[in-house]
C-alpha cells in the first residue's frame, strides 16, 4: 500500500485521469471556434473476477463482481452529467480545474 493509503495502481489511475483531463483542456483551448470536446473519467477499484467463461462452442472474456457493477453505474451516471467544465474529485476533495 502507498503512503497515501491507496494501492499503487489507484495512484497511477488517478495520475492518468488527471493527465488525460489536462490534455483535453489543452486540446480544447487550441481548437478553432466550435463545440468543445467533452470528457468525463470515473475510477472505481476493487476485487473482481476476470476471465474466459463459456464452453467449447462459445467463449467470452468477461469481468464480474460488485466492483464491475458499481463501475457500470458510474459510467451511466457520468453520461448524464458530462459538462465542459473540468471538475476533479479525489476522495473527499473537490477541485475545479
C-alpha atoms as a PDB file:
ATOM      1  CA  UNK A   1       0.000   0.000   0.000  1.00  0.00           C
ATOM      2  CA  UNK A   2       1.229   3.507  -0.834  1.00  0.00           C
ATOM      3  CA  UNK A   3       1.781   6.116   1.892  1.00  0.00           C
ATOM      4  CA  UNK A   4      -1.415   7.866   0.772  1.00  0.00           C
ATOM      5  CA  UNK A   5      -3.432   4.807   1.780  1.00  0.00           C
ATOM      6  CA  UNK A   6      -4.138   3.888  -1.833  1.00  0.00           C
ATOM      7  CA  UNK A   7      -2.675   0.926  -3.647  1.00  0.00           C
ATOM      8  CA  UNK A   8      -0.121   1.888  -6.290  1.00  0.00           C
ATOM      9  CA  UNK A   9      -2.478   1.085  -9.160  1.00  0.00           C
ATOM     10  CA  UNK A  10      -5.003   3.512  -7.677  1.00  0.00           C
ATOM     11  CA  UNK A  11      -2.414   6.281  -7.613  1.00  0.00           C
ATOM     12  CA  UNK A  12      -1.431   5.534 -11.209  1.00  0.00           C
ATOM     13  CA  UNK A  13      -5.077   5.531 -12.316  1.00  0.00           C
ATOM     14  CA  UNK A  14      -5.676   8.927 -10.699  1.00  0.00           C
ATOM     15  CA  UNK A  15      -2.493  10.344 -12.254  1.00  0.00           C
ATOM     16  CA  UNK A  16      -3.511   9.012 -15.678  1.00  0.00           C
ATOM     17  CA  UNK A  17      -7.003  10.518 -15.365  1.00  0.00           C
ATOM     18  CA  UNK A  18      -5.535  13.856 -14.331  1.00  0.00           C
ATOM     19  CA  UNK A  19      -3.131  13.822 -17.296  1.00  0.00           C
ATOM     20  CA  UNK A  20      -5.985  12.965 -19.681  1.00  0.00           C
ATOM     21  CA  UNK A  21      -8.095  15.834 -18.369  1.00  0.00           C
ATOM     22  CA  UNK A  22      -5.140  18.233 -18.696  1.00  0.00           C
ATOM     23  CA  UNK A  23      -4.593  17.083 -22.280  1.00  0.00           C
ATOM     24  CA  UNK A  24      -8.277  17.527 -23.132  1.00  0.00           C
ATOM     25  CA  UNK A  25      -8.351  21.034 -21.684  1.00  0.00           C
ATOM     26  CA  UNK A  26      -5.223  21.967 -23.646  1.00  0.00           C
ATOM     27  CA  UNK A  27      -6.617  20.469 -26.853  1.00  0.00           C
ATOM     28  CA  UNK A  28      -9.954  22.240 -26.403  1.00  0.00           C
ATOM     29  CA  UNK A  29      -8.209  25.576 -25.799  1.00  0.00           C
ATOM     30  CA  UNK A  30      -6.363  25.243 -29.137  1.00  0.00           C
ATOM     31  CA  UNK A  31      -9.417  24.277 -31.191  1.00  0.00           C
ATOM     32  CA  UNK A  32     -10.984  26.647 -33.644  1.00  0.00           C
ATOM     33  CA  UNK A  33     -14.379  28.018 -32.769  1.00  0.00           C
ATOM     34  CA  UNK A  34     -16.902  25.283 -32.249  1.00  0.00           C
ATOM     35  CA  UNK A  35     -18.120  22.830 -29.714  1.00  0.00           C
ATOM     36  CA  UNK A  36     -15.632  21.737 -27.102  1.00  0.00           C
ATOM     37  CA  UNK A  37     -14.967  18.046 -26.755  1.00  0.00           C
ATOM     38  CA  UNK A  38     -16.474  16.770 -23.503  1.00  0.00           C
ATOM     39  CA  UNK A  39     -14.892  14.073 -21.408  1.00  0.00           C
ATOM     40  CA  UNK A  40     -15.516  12.557 -18.001  1.00  0.00           C
ATOM     41  CA  UNK A  41     -13.492   9.951 -16.179  1.00  0.00           C
ATOM     42  CA  UNK A  42     -14.716   7.912 -13.229  1.00  0.00           C
ATOM     43  CA  UNK A  43     -12.483   5.440 -11.443  1.00  0.00           C
ATOM     44  CA  UNK A  44     -13.645   2.666  -9.153  1.00  0.00           C
ATOM     45  CA  UNK A  45     -11.349  -0.079  -7.926  1.00  0.00           C
ATOM     46  CA  UNK A  46     -11.793  -3.319  -6.076  1.00  0.00           C
ATOM     47  CA  UNK A  47     -11.767  -7.072  -6.462  1.00  0.00           C
ATOM     48  CA  UNK A  48     -13.433  -8.744  -9.417  1.00  0.00           C
ATOM     49  CA  UNK A  49     -13.365 -11.926 -11.454  1.00  0.00           C
ATOM     50  CA  UNK A  50     -11.986 -11.637 -14.937  1.00  0.00           C
ATOM     51  CA  UNK A  51     -11.505 -14.420 -17.383  1.00  0.00           C
ATOM     52  CA  UNK A  52     -12.966 -16.577 -20.091  1.00  0.00           C
ATOM     53  CA  UNK A  53     -16.401 -18.081 -19.451  1.00  0.00           C
ATOM     54  CA  UNK A  54     -18.411 -20.473 -21.565  1.00  0.00           C
ATOM     55  CA  UNK A  55     -17.886 -23.848 -23.167  1.00  0.00           C
ATOM     56  CA  UNK A  56     -16.212 -25.148 -26.319  1.00  0.00           C
ATOM     57  CA  UNK A  57     -18.947 -23.752 -28.579  1.00  0.00           C
ATOM     58  CA  UNK A  58     -18.940 -20.200 -27.212  1.00  0.00           C
ATOM     59  CA  UNK A  59     -16.421 -18.460 -25.005  1.00  0.00           C
ATOM     60  CA  UNK A  60     -16.265 -14.833 -23.933  1.00  0.00           C
ATOM     61  CA  UNK A  61     -13.865 -12.794 -21.875  1.00  0.00           C
ATOM     62  CA  UNK A  62     -15.745 -11.011 -19.105  1.00  0.00           C
ATOM     63  CA  UNK A  63     -15.413  -9.270 -15.759  1.00  0.00           C
ATOM     64  CA  UNK A  64     -17.846  -9.934 -12.916  1.00  0.00           C
ATOM     65  CA  UNK A  65     -18.416  -8.664  -9.396  1.00  0.00           C
ATOM     66  CA  UNK A  66     -19.809  -5.781  -7.390  1.00  0.00           C
ATOM     67  CA  UNK A  67     -16.789  -3.655  -8.349  1.00  0.00           C
ATOM     68  CA  UNK A  68     -17.743  -4.036 -12.004  1.00  0.00           C
ATOM     69  CA  UNK A  69     -21.417  -3.289 -11.294  1.00  0.00           C
ATOM     70  CA  UNK A  70     -20.553  -0.076  -9.428  1.00  0.00           C
ATOM     71  CA  UNK A  71     -18.203   0.989 -12.247  1.00  0.00           C
ATOM     72  CA  UNK A  72     -21.017   0.413 -14.765  1.00  0.00           C
ATOM     73  CA  UNK A  73     -23.375   2.576 -12.683  1.00  0.00           C
ATOM     74  CA  UNK A  74     -20.737   5.327 -12.517  1.00  0.00           C
ATOM     75  CA  UNK A  75     -20.397   5.177 -16.297  1.00  0.00           C
ATOM     76  CA  UNK A  76     -24.152   5.580 -16.801  1.00  0.00           C
ATOM     77  CA  UNK A  77     -24.297   8.465 -14.324  1.00  0.00           C
ATOM     78  CA  UNK A  78     -21.330  10.140 -16.000  1.00  0.00           C
ATOM     79  CA  UNK A  79     -23.034  10.076 -19.400  1.00  0.00           C
ATOM     80  CA  UNK A  80     -25.818  12.245 -17.967  1.00  0.00           C
ATOM     81  CA  UNK A  81     -23.586  14.744 -16.162  1.00  0.00           C
ATOM     82  CA  UNK A  82     -20.684  15.493 -18.529  1.00  0.00           C
ATOM     83  CA  UNK A  83     -20.008  19.195 -18.831  1.00  0.00           C
ATOM     84  CA  UNK A  84     -17.349  21.338 -20.444  1.00  0.00           C
ATOM     85  CA  UNK A  85     -16.098  22.386 -17.009  1.00  0.00           C
ATOM     86  CA  UNK A  86     -13.407  20.109 -15.674  1.00  0.00           C
ATOM     87  CA  UNK A  87     -14.031  19.052 -12.085  1.00  0.00           C
ATOM     88  CA  UNK A  88     -11.713  16.723 -10.245  1.00  0.00           C
ATOM     89  CA  UNK A  89     -12.783  14.810  -7.177  1.00  0.00           C
ATOM     90  CA  UNK A  90     -10.251  12.690  -5.317  1.00  0.00           C
ATOM     91  CA  UNK A  91     -11.688  11.066  -2.204  1.00  0.00           C
ATOM     92  CA  UNK A  92     -13.456  13.811  -0.286  1.00  0.00           C
ATOM     93  CA  UNK A  93     -11.530  16.603  -2.035  1.00  0.00           C
ATOM     94  CA  UNK A  94     -13.051  18.521  -4.917  1.00  0.00           C
ATOM     95  CA  UNK A  95     -11.062  20.890  -7.039  1.00  0.00           C
ATOM     96  CA  UNK A  96     -12.218  22.657 -10.172  1.00  0.00           C
ATOM     97  CA  UNK A  97      -9.562  22.851 -12.839  1.00  0.00           C
END
